[in-house]
Amino acid sequence: MVTVQAVDAPPLAPRAWLRWDVVDRLVAQLHPGTMLEIGCGQGAFGARLAARADYVGVEPDDAAHEVARRRIEPVGGQVIHGTDAAVPDGSLFDLVCFFEVLEHIRDDDTALRRWTGFVRPGGHVLLSVPAFADRFAPMDVQSGHYRRYDPDEMGRALVAAGLEDVRVVVYGWPLGYLLEAVRNRVSRRALAAMDDVPGPEEFTAASGRTMQPSRPLLAASIATGTLPFRWLQRLTRTRGTGLVAIGRRPAT
């Protein structure tokens, strides 16, 4: 099922709508009772997820955390100001998710193993990352990305973290190509104008707050305008600009 933006749901950027189409259907299949989102940003996904499960989000950025808290707490979720280290010891969840986060982590393998430790036996990890290493471009630099991921590489990383029944879906065809071309052009100009280009850590700090629609009319237009492309991207699982991956922690 493809959903049009609900009246009270936070706005999504065009690429986020393409991503949400995949995430929405996978979460509906899992029916998790409890959920942890690491790096929930401004809570656009979290507000939607918190309406479905007992939700906890963590977000280190001060400004993004405050926006996420205002969006998520009214629908019953909790937002912790901090990193995954702020999650109470011993906490286990049916679903642990992190969307557009892993590519910002220098040691992504260690982070993936650590975050898998928050999953109860038999539960799942659900994540998204930018797709295909050879598409790394100015947009990735300005976003604070260390890397992009090939589908096979992502699958192997999940298996190495101790997960099974791994699935990797490529999404974003064909609209994602146009969106990336525009964003790369903007980022190329922005980077060229900088006297001193920051490293990934500095860019990452603001990544969850950039390019986010805020005006209601624009948000509604994006939701409606991306609807046919959310259907089109389902025609292929090998072409696109992003990956959504899921894996299950063994029950024993």
Protein backbone atom coordinates (compact mmCIF):
# COMPACT_ATOMS: atom_id res chain seq x y z
CA MET A 1 0.00 0.00 0.00
CA VAL A 2 1.26 3.49 -0.88
CA THR A 3 0.20 6.14 1.59
CA VAL A 4 -0.36 9.80 0.82
CA GLN A 5 0.81 12.16 3.52
CA ALA A 6 -1.56 12.17 6.49
CA VAL A 7 -2.74 15.57 7.62
CA ASP A 8 -0.88 15.38 10.94
CA ALA A 9 2.21 13.50 9.73
CA PRO A 10 5.53 15.40 9.49
CA PRO A 11 6.57 16.39 5.95
CA LEU A 12 9.02 14.28 3.98
CA ALA A 13 11.54 15.31 1.35
CA PRO A 14 11.19 13.62 -2.07
CA ARG A 15 13.94 11.05 -1.48
CA ALA A 16 12.50 10.28 1.93
CA TRP A 17 9.11 9.53 0.36
CA LEU A 18 10.76 7.00 -1.95
CA ARG A 19 12.49 5.44 1.04
CA TRP A 20 9.38 5.43 3.18
CA ASP A 21 7.47 3.47 0.54
CA VAL A 22 9.84 0.55 1.11
CA VAL A 23 10.17 0.94 4.88
CA ASP A 24 6.42 1.27 5.38
CA ARG A 25 5.67 -2.05 3.70
CA LEU A 26 8.42 -3.93 5.54
CA VAL A 27 7.36 -2.66 8.96
CA ALA A 28 3.76 -3.62 8.16
CA GLN A 29 4.96 -7.17 7.49
CA LEU A 30 6.91 -7.38 10.76
CA HIS A 31 4.27 -6.01 13.16
CA PRO A 32 6.87 -5.14 15.85
CA GLY A 33 5.68 -4.51 19.39
CA THR A 34 8.74 -2.51 20.41
CA MET A 35 11.04 -0.40 18.27
CA LEU A 36 14.31 1.53 18.59
CA GLU A 37 15.38 4.08 15.97
CA ILE A 38 19.02 5.18 16.16
CA GLY A 39 19.62 8.66 14.76
CA CYS A 40 15.97 9.61 14.36
CA GLY A 41 16.80 13.10 13.07
CA GLN A 42 13.79 15.42 13.18
CA GLY A 43 11.42 12.50 13.65
CA ALA A 44 9.64 12.41 10.29
CA PHE A 45 9.86 8.61 10.14
CA GLY A 46 9.72 8.25 13.92
CA ALA A 47 6.34 9.96 14.22
CA ARG A 48 4.93 7.50 11.71
CA LEU A 49 6.55 4.48 13.38
CA ALA A 50 5.60 5.52 16.92
CA ALA A 51 1.94 5.22 15.96
CA ARG A 52 2.50 1.50 15.31
CA ALA A 53 4.65 0.29 18.20
CA ASP A 54 6.20 1.12 21.55
CA TYR A 55 8.85 3.43 20.08
CA VAL A 56 12.14 4.85 21.39
CA GLY A 57 14.30 7.14 19.27
CA VAL A 58 17.77 8.52 19.98
CA GLU A 59 19.17 11.69 18.40
CA PRO A 60 22.40 13.51 19.38
CA ASP A 61 21.85 16.81 17.56
CA ASP A 62 20.28 19.41 19.86
CA ALA A 63 18.03 21.11 17.32
CA ALA A 64 16.94 17.90 15.57
CA HIS A 65 16.18 16.24 18.92
CA GLU A 66 13.88 19.07 19.94
CA VAL A 67 11.92 18.86 16.70
CA ALA A 68 11.73 15.05 16.96
CA ARG A 69 10.51 15.24 20.53
CA ARG A 70 7.67 17.60 19.58
CA ARG A 71 6.64 15.32 16.73
CA ILE A 72 7.00 11.90 18.35
CA GLU A 73 5.92 12.30 21.97
CA PRO A 74 2.32 13.33 21.09
CA VAL A 75 1.81 9.97 19.34
CA GLY A 76 3.18 8.01 22.28
CA GLY A 77 6.88 7.62 21.47
CA GLN A 78 9.95 8.56 23.47
CA VAL A 79 12.97 10.49 22.16
CA ILE A 80 16.29 10.35 24.02
CA HIS A 81 18.81 13.14 23.53
CA GLY A 82 22.06 11.32 22.87
CA THR A 83 23.69 8.48 20.97
CA ASP A 84 23.01 4.76 21.27
CA ALA A 85 25.04 4.87 24.49
CA ALA A 86 22.05 6.61 26.10
CA VAL A 87 19.79 3.58 25.57
CA PRO A 88 19.23 1.94 28.98
CA ASP A 89 21.42 -1.10 29.61
CA GLY A 90 19.72 -4.39 28.88
CA SER A 91 17.12 -2.89 26.55
CA LEU A 92 15.98 -5.22 23.76
CA PHE A 93 13.58 -4.43 20.94
CA ASP A 94 11.60 -6.32 18.32
CA LEU A 95 12.89 -3.93 15.66
CA VAL A 96 16.01 -1.76 15.61
CA CYS A 97 16.20 0.65 12.72
CA PHE A 98 18.52 3.36 11.46
CA PHE A 99 17.85 5.26 8.27
CA GLU A 100 20.64 7.14 6.46
CA VAL A 101 22.92 6.78 9.50
CA LEU A 102 25.45 4.00 8.89
CA GLU A 103 27.20 5.84 6.05
CA HIS A 104 28.06 8.63 8.53
CA ILE A 105 29.97 6.25 10.83
CA ARG A 106 33.70 5.80 10.28
CA ASP A 107 33.76 2.27 11.76
CA ASP A 108 30.45 1.07 10.38
CA ASP A 109 31.09 -2.64 10.99
CA THR A 110 31.54 -2.08 14.73
CA ALA A 111 28.46 0.14 14.88
CA LEU A 112 26.36 -2.45 13.05
CA ARG A 113 27.39 -5.20 15.45
CA ARG A 114 26.75 -2.98 18.47
CA TRP A 115 23.30 -1.91 17.28
CA THR A 116 22.36 -5.50 16.47
CA GLY A 117 22.90 -6.15 20.17
CA PHE A 118 19.74 -4.15 20.91
CA VAL A 119 17.62 -6.65 18.97
CA ARG A 120 15.85 -9.37 20.92
CA PRO A 121 16.41 -12.93 19.66
CA GLY A 122 14.10 -13.40 16.69
CA GLY A 123 13.79 -9.64 16.15
CA HIS A 124 14.96 -7.62 13.17
CA VAL A 125 17.30 -4.88 12.02
CA LEU A 126 15.96 -2.50 9.35
CA LEU A 127 18.16 0.16 7.77
CA SER A 128 18.68 2.37 4.76
CA VAL A 129 21.87 3.66 3.16
CA PRO A 130 22.82 5.38 -0.12
CA ALA A 131 23.43 2.86 -2.90
CA PHE A 132 26.41 2.00 -5.08
CA ALA A 133 29.97 3.01 -4.24
CA ASP A 134 30.62 4.34 -7.73
CA ARG A 135 27.88 6.97 -7.26
CA PHE A 136 29.81 8.73 -4.47
CA ALA A 137 29.71 12.43 -5.40
CA PRO A 138 29.65 16.00 -3.99
CA MET A 139 26.25 15.40 -2.39
CA ASP A 140 27.79 12.64 -0.29
CA VAL A 141 30.68 14.85 0.76
CA GLN A 142 28.40 17.67 1.87
CA SER A 143 26.13 15.20 3.69
CA GLY A 144 29.03 13.83 5.72
CA HIS A 145 29.08 10.37 4.15
CA TYR A 146 32.13 8.15 4.45
CA ARG A 147 30.86 5.77 1.78
CA ARG A 148 27.97 4.36 -0.25
CA TYR A 149 27.10 0.66 -0.32
CA ASP A 150 26.74 -1.95 -3.02
CA PRO A 151 23.85 -4.38 -2.39
CA ASP A 152 26.08 -7.47 -2.03
CA GLU A 153 28.39 -5.60 0.32
CA MET A 154 25.46 -4.57 2.51
CA GLY A 155 24.17 -8.11 2.63
CA ARG A 156 27.56 -9.47 3.69
CA ALA A 157 27.84 -6.81 6.41
CA LEU A 158 24.51 -7.84 7.92
CA VAL A 159 25.49 -11.51 7.90
CA ALA A 160 28.84 -10.65 9.51
CA ALA A 161 26.94 -8.80 12.24
CA GLY A 162 25.16 -12.05 13.10
CA LEU A 163 21.90 -11.64 11.17
CA GLU A 164 20.13 -14.13 8.95
CA ASP A 165 17.30 -14.10 6.37
CA VAL A 166 18.89 -10.95 4.95
CA ARG A 167 17.11 -9.03 2.20
CA VAL A 168 18.41 -5.96 0.38
CA VAL A 169 16.11 -3.83 -1.79
CA VAL A 170 17.37 -1.16 -4.21
CA TYR A 171 14.95 1.75 -4.48
CA GLY A 172 14.74 5.16 -6.12
CA TRP A 173 14.40 4.38 -9.84
CA PRO A 174 13.85 6.56 -11.80
CA LEU A 175 13.20 9.76 -9.78
CA GLY A 176 16.19 9.24 -7.49
CA TYR A 177 18.60 9.80 -10.37
CA LEU A 178 17.16 13.23 -11.10
CA LEU A 179 17.10 14.19 -7.41
CA GLU A 180 20.74 13.21 -6.98
CA ALA A 181 21.79 15.08 -10.11
CA VAL A 182 20.21 18.28 -8.79
CA ARG A 183 21.61 17.81 -5.29
CA ASN A 184 25.10 17.06 -6.65
CA ARG A 185 25.05 20.26 -8.69
CA VAL A 186 24.06 22.31 -5.63
CA SER A 187 26.64 20.59 -3.43
CA ARG A 188 29.41 20.99 -6.00
CA ARG A 189 28.86 24.74 -6.02
CA ALA A 190 28.64 24.93 -2.24
CA LEU A 191 31.86 22.99 -1.73
CA ALA A 192 33.69 25.07 -4.33
CA ALA A 193 32.75 28.24 -2.45
CA MET A 194 34.23 26.99 0.84
CA ASP A 195 37.72 28.10 1.81
CA ASP A 196 38.09 25.11 4.13
CA VAL A 197 35.91 22.06 3.48
CA PRO A 198 34.90 20.40 6.78
CA GLY A 199 35.28 16.68 7.40
CA PRO A 200 32.43 14.16 7.55
CA GLU A 201 31.86 14.72 11.28
CA GLU A 202 31.13 18.43 10.85
CA PHE A 203 28.85 17.88 7.87
CA THR A 204 27.04 15.04 9.64
CA ALA A 205 26.05 17.25 12.57
CA ALA A 206 23.72 19.26 10.34
CA SER A 207 22.69 16.58 7.86
CA GLY A 208 19.40 15.75 9.55
CA ARG A 209 18.27 19.39 9.34
CA THR A 210 19.11 20.21 5.72
CA MET A 211 16.83 20.10 2.68
CA GLN A 212 13.74 19.44 4.84
CA PRO A 213 10.41 20.83 3.55
CA SER A 214 8.62 23.01 6.09
CA ARG A 215 5.84 24.86 4.24
CA PRO A 216 2.57 22.85 4.25
CA LEU A 217 1.74 23.53 0.60
CA LEU A 218 5.20 22.41 -0.55
CA ALA A 219 5.03 19.31 1.66
CA ALA A 220 1.65 18.36 0.23
CA SER A 221 2.90 18.91 -3.31
CA ILE A 222 5.90 16.66 -2.68
CA ALA A 223 3.70 13.92 -1.23
CA THR A 224 1.38 14.01 -4.24
CA GLY A 225 4.11 14.49 -6.84
CA THR A 226 6.18 11.54 -5.66
CA LEU A 227 3.22 9.14 -5.55
CA PRO A 228 3.57 7.73 -9.10
CA PHE A 229 7.32 7.34 -8.62
CA ARG A 230 6.75 5.33 -5.47
CA TRP A 231 4.83 2.90 -7.65
CA LEU A 232 7.35 2.98 -10.49
CA GLN A 233 10.32 2.11 -8.30
CA ARG A 234 8.66 -1.20 -7.44
CA LEU A 235 9.22 -2.38 -11.01
CA THR A 236 12.89 -3.08 -10.31
CA ARG A 237 14.93 -4.13 -7.28
CA THR A 238 18.32 -3.65 -8.93
CA ARG A 239 18.23 -0.02 -10.09
CA GLY A 240 18.07 3.12 -7.99
CA THR A 241 20.01 5.34 -5.64
CA GLY A 242 19.33 3.87 -2.21
CA LEU A 243 19.22 0.58 -0.33
CA VAL A 244 16.84 -0.67 2.32
CA ALA A 245 18.08 -3.79 4.08
CA ILE A 246 16.56 -6.10 6.68
CA GLY A 247 17.90 -9.04 8.65
CA ARG A 248 16.72 -11.21 11.53
CA ARG A 249 18.64 -12.00 14.70
CA PRO A 250 18.62 -15.77 15.28
CA ALA A 251 16.11 -16.89 17.86
CA THR A 252 18.74 -18.91 19.73
